[in-house]
Amino acid sequence: MNNENIVQKVWNLCNILRGDGISYHGYISERTYLLFLKIAEERWHG
């Protein structure tokens, strides 16, 4: 998966969430937290 595909998927999800009343900032905040947890889990379990 290349960078363009990743960016497109993120924007598609943002558009879906915007339709549900969630702001881009709220979405990015939630995704950042989930990404942090995923990275922490991978480092913890190696």
PDB file of N, CA and C in Angstrom:
ATOM      1  N   MET A   1       0.852  -1.175   0.000  1.00  0.00           N
ATOM      2  CA  MET A   1       0.000   0.000   0.000  1.00  0.00           C
ATOM      3  C   MET A   1       0.897   1.236   0.000  1.00  0.00           C
ATOM      4  N   ASN A   2       0.650   2.135  -0.916  1.00  0.00           N
ATOM      5  CA  ASN A   2       1.484   3.332  -0.994  1.00  0.00           C
ATOM      6  C   ASN A   2       0.842   4.491  -0.227  1.00  0.00           C
ATOM      7  N   ASN A   3       1.578   5.592  -0.141  1.00  0.00           N
ATOM      8  CA  ASN A   3       1.114   6.744   0.632  1.00  0.00           C
ATOM      9  C   ASN A   3      -0.200   7.312   0.108  1.00  0.00           C
ATOM     10  N   GLU A   4      -0.350   7.352  -1.210  1.00  0.00           N
ATOM     11  CA  GLU A   4      -1.591   7.891  -1.782  1.00  0.00           C
ATOM     12  C   GLU A   4      -2.800   7.074  -1.349  1.00  0.00           C
ATOM     13  N   ASN A   5      -2.657   5.761  -1.327  1.00  0.00           N
ATOM     14  CA  ASN A   5      -3.766   4.899  -0.900  1.00  0.00           C
ATOM     15  C   ASN A   5      -4.122   5.145   0.558  1.00  0.00           C
ATOM     16  N   ILE A   6      -3.108   5.293   1.394  1.00  0.00           N
ATOM     17  CA  ILE A   6      -3.343   5.534   2.819  1.00  0.00           C
ATOM     18  C   ILE A   6      -4.058   6.866   3.021  1.00  0.00           C
ATOM     19  N   VAL A   7      -3.565   7.899   2.348  1.00  0.00           N
ATOM     20  CA  VAL A   7      -4.184   9.223   2.469  1.00  0.00           C
ATOM     21  C   VAL A   7      -5.633   9.175   1.999  1.00  0.00           C
ATOM     22  N   GLN A   8      -5.889   8.503   0.898  1.00  0.00           N
ATOM     23  CA  GLN A   8      -7.257   8.402   0.379  1.00  0.00           C
ATOM     24  C   GLN A   8      -8.172   7.689   1.368  1.00  0.00           C
ATOM     25  N   LYS A   9      -7.689   6.621   1.984  1.00  0.00           N
ATOM     26  CA  LYS A   9      -8.501   5.900   2.964  1.00  0.00           C
ATOM     27  C   LYS A   9      -8.821   6.775   4.165  1.00  0.00           C
ATOM     28  N   VAL A  10      -7.831   7.529   4.641  1.00  0.00           N
ATOM     29  CA  VAL A  10      -8.064   8.419   5.785  1.00  0.00           C
ATOM     30  C   VAL A  10      -9.115   9.466   5.437  1.00  0.00           C
ATOM     31  N   TRP A  11      -8.999  10.100   4.253  1.00  0.00           N
ATOM     32  CA  TRP A  11      -9.974  11.114   3.860  1.00  0.00           C
ATOM     33  C   TRP A  11     -11.357  10.506   3.675  1.00  0.00           C
ATOM     34  N   ASN A  12     -11.435   9.304   3.144  1.00  0.00           N
ATOM     35  CA  ASN A  12     -12.738   8.648   2.999  1.00  0.00           C
ATOM     36  C   ASN A  12     -13.390   8.434   4.358  1.00  0.00           C
ATOM     37  N   LEU A  13     -12.598   7.987   5.328  1.00  0.00           N
ATOM     38  CA  LEU A  13     -13.133   7.799   6.677  1.00  0.00           C
ATOM     39  C   LEU A  13     -13.538   9.126   7.303  1.00  0.00           C
ATOM     40  N   CYS A  14     -12.746  10.168   7.069  1.00  0.00           N
ATOM     41  CA  CYS A  14     -13.097  11.498   7.585  1.00  0.00           C
ATOM     42  C   CYS A  14     -14.434  11.956   7.019  1.00  0.00           C
ATOM     43  N   ASN A  15     -14.639  11.728   5.736  1.00  0.00           N
ATOM     44  CA  ASN A  15     -15.902  12.131   5.109  1.00  0.00           C
ATOM     45  C   ASN A  15     -17.082  11.365   5.689  1.00  0.00           C
ATOM     46  N   ILE A  16     -16.898  10.088   5.960  1.00  0.00           N
ATOM     47  CA  ILE A  16     -17.960   9.286   6.579  1.00  0.00           C
ATOM     48  C   ILE A  16     -18.279   9.825   7.963  1.00  0.00           C
ATOM     49  N   LEU A  17     -17.237  10.064   8.757  1.00  0.00           N
ATOM     50  CA  LEU A  17     -17.454  10.547  10.114  1.00  0.00           C
ATOM     51  C   LEU A  17     -18.049  11.951  10.121  1.00  0.00           C
ATOM     52  N   ARG A  18     -17.658  12.780   9.167  1.00  0.00           N
ATOM     53  CA  ARG A  18     -18.225  14.125   9.078  1.00  0.00           C
ATOM     54  C   ARG A  18     -19.728  14.026   8.861  1.00  0.00           C
ATOM     55  N   GLY A  19     -20.135  13.067   8.049  1.00  0.00           N
ATOM     56  CA  GLY A  19     -21.560  12.852   7.829  1.00  0.00           C
ATOM     57  C   GLY A  19     -22.277  12.408   9.088  1.00  0.00           C
ATOM     58  N   ASP A  20     -21.537  11.806  10.010  1.00  0.00           N
ATOM     59  CA  ASP A  20     -22.103  11.380  11.290  1.00  0.00           C
ATOM     60  C   ASP A  20     -21.994  12.459  12.360  1.00  0.00           C
ATOM     61  N   GLY A  21     -21.470  13.643  11.983  1.00  0.00           N
ATOM     62  CA  GLY A  21     -21.396  14.748  12.930  1.00  0.00           C
ATOM     63  C   GLY A  21     -20.095  14.838  13.704  1.00  0.00           C
ATOM     64  N   ILE A  22     -19.096  14.049  13.341  1.00  0.00           N
ATOM     65  CA  ILE A  22     -17.799  14.097  14.014  1.00  0.00           C
ATOM     66  C   ILE A  22     -16.877  14.993  13.197  1.00  0.00           C
ATOM     67  N   SER A  23     -16.219  15.942  13.868  1.00  0.00           N
ATOM     68  CA  SER A  23     -15.344  16.881  13.159  1.00  0.00           C
ATOM     69  C   SER A  23     -14.048  16.190  12.749  1.00  0.00           C
ATOM     70  N   TYR A  24     -13.348  16.803  11.795  1.00  0.00           N
ATOM     71  CA  TYR A  24     -12.047  16.273  11.388  1.00  0.00           C
ATOM     72  C   TYR A  24     -11.093  16.236  12.574  1.00  0.00           C
ATOM     73  N   HIS A  25     -11.130  17.291  13.394  1.00  0.00           N
ATOM     74  CA  HIS A  25     -10.238  17.351  14.553  1.00  0.00           C
ATOM     75  C   HIS A  25     -10.538  16.222  15.539  1.00  0.00           C
ATOM     76  N   GLY A  26     -11.803  15.962  15.752  1.00  0.00           N
ATOM     77  CA  GLY A  26     -12.186  14.867  16.639  1.00  0.00           C
ATOM     78  C   GLY A  26     -11.742  13.527  16.078  1.00  0.00           C
ATOM     79  N   TYR A  27     -11.912  13.361  14.780  1.00  0.00           N
ATOM     80  CA  TYR A  27     -11.502  12.117  14.134  1.00  0.00           C
ATOM     81  C   TYR A  27      -9.999  11.918  14.237  1.00  0.00           C
ATOM     82  N   ILE A  28      -9.230  12.964  13.912  1.00  0.00           N
ATOM     83  CA  ILE A  28      -7.773  12.862  13.959  1.00  0.00           C
ATOM     84  C   ILE A  28      -7.309  12.598  15.381  1.00  0.00           C
ATOM     85  N   SER A  29      -7.936  13.239  16.345  1.00  0.00           N
ATOM     86  CA  SER A  29      -7.585  13.017  17.745  1.00  0.00           C
ATOM     87  C   SER A  29      -7.789  11.550  18.125  1.00  0.00           C
ATOM     88  N   GLU A  30      -8.939  10.997  17.767  1.00  0.00           N
ATOM     89  CA  GLU A  30      -9.229   9.592  18.080  1.00  0.00           C
ATOM     90  C   GLU A  30      -8.282   8.639  17.353  1.00  0.00           C
ATOM     91  N   ARG A  31      -8.034   8.891  16.087  1.00  0.00           N
ATOM     92  CA  ARG A  31      -7.140   8.018  15.312  1.00  0.00           C
ATOM     93  C   ARG A  31      -5.714   8.078  15.840  1.00  0.00           C
ATOM     94  N   THR A  32      -5.275   9.269  16.243  1.00  0.00           N
ATOM     95  CA  THR A  32      -3.926   9.411  16.792  1.00  0.00           C
ATOM     96  C   THR A  32      -3.789   8.589  18.062  1.00  0.00           C
ATOM     97  N   TYR A  33      -4.799   8.648  18.917  1.00  0.00           N
ATOM     98  CA  TYR A  33      -4.768   7.882  20.161  1.00  0.00           C
ATOM     99  C   TYR A  33      -4.740   6.381  19.868  1.00  0.00           C
ATOM    100  N   LEU A  34      -5.553   5.920  18.938  1.00  0.00           N
ATOM    101  CA  LEU A  34      -5.559   4.500  18.582  1.00  0.00           C
ATOM    102  C   LEU A  34      -4.232   4.064  17.970  1.00  0.00           C
ATOM    103  N   LEU A  35      -3.637   4.920  17.151  1.00  0.00           N
ATOM    104  CA  LEU A  35      -2.334   4.618  16.569  1.00  0.00           C
ATOM    105  C   LEU A  35      -1.276   4.510  17.662  1.00  0.00           C
ATOM    106  N   PHE A  36      -1.312   5.428  18.625  1.00  0.00           N
ATOM    107  CA  PHE A  36      -0.388   5.383  19.753  1.00  0.00           C
ATOM    108  C   PHE A  36      -0.528   4.063  20.512  1.00  0.00           C
ATOM    109  N   LEU A  37      -1.756   3.647  20.780  1.00  0.00           N
ATOM    110  CA  LEU A  37      -1.978   2.390  21.490  1.00  0.00           C
ATOM    111  C   LEU A  37      -1.470   1.197  20.685  1.00  0.00           C
ATOM    112  N   LYS A  38      -1.669   1.217  19.372  1.00  0.00           N
ATOM    113  CA  LYS A  38      -1.200   0.126  18.512  1.00  0.00           C
ATOM    114  C   LYS A  38       0.317   0.040  18.532  1.00  0.00           C
ATOM    115  N   ILE A  39       0.995   1.186  18.440  1.00  0.00           N
ATOM    116  CA  ILE A  39       2.460   1.203  18.473  1.00  0.00           C
ATOM    117  C   ILE A  39       2.957   0.711  19.825  1.00  0.00           C
ATOM    118  N   ALA A  40       2.330   1.166  20.903  1.00  0.00           N
ATOM    119  CA  ALA A  40       2.734   0.741  22.243  1.00  0.00           C
ATOM    120  C   ALA A  40       2.560  -0.769  22.405  1.00  0.00           C
ATOM    121  N   GLU A  41       1.458  -1.308  21.902  1.00  0.00           N
ATOM    122  CA  GLU A  41       1.214  -2.746  21.990  1.00  0.00           C
ATOM    123  C   GLU A  41       2.279  -3.532  21.226  1.00  0.00           C
ATOM    124  N   GLU A  42       2.617  -3.077  20.027  1.00  0.00           N
ATOM    125  CA  GLU A  42       3.619  -3.780  19.227  1.00  0.00           C
ATOM    126  C   GLU A  42       4.991  -3.740  19.891  1.00  0.00           C
ATOM    127  N   ARG A  43       5.325  -2.623  20.497  1.00  0.00           N
ATOM    128  CA  ARG A  43       6.618  -2.527  21.186  1.00  0.00           C
ATOM    129  C   ARG A  43       6.633  -3.390  22.436  1.00  0.00           C
ATOM    130  N   TRP A  44       5.504  -3.450  23.144  1.00  0.00           N
ATOM    131  CA  TRP A  44       5.425  -4.212  24.389  1.00  0.00           C
ATOM    132  C   TRP A  44       5.523  -5.715  24.117  1.00  0.00           C
ATOM    133  N   HIS A  45       4.834  -6.162  23.080  1.00  0.00           N
ATOM    134  CA  HIS A  45       4.793  -7.594  22.771  1.00  0.00           C
ATOM    135  C   HIS A  45       5.843  -8.005  21.744  1.00  0.00           C
ATOM    136  N   GLY A  46       6.600  -7.037  21.252  1.00  0.00           N
ATOM    137  CA  GLY A  46       7.716  -7.305  20.355  1.00  0.00           C
ATOM    138  C   GLY A  46       7.334  -7.847  19.054  1.00  0.00           C
TER     139      GLY A  46
END
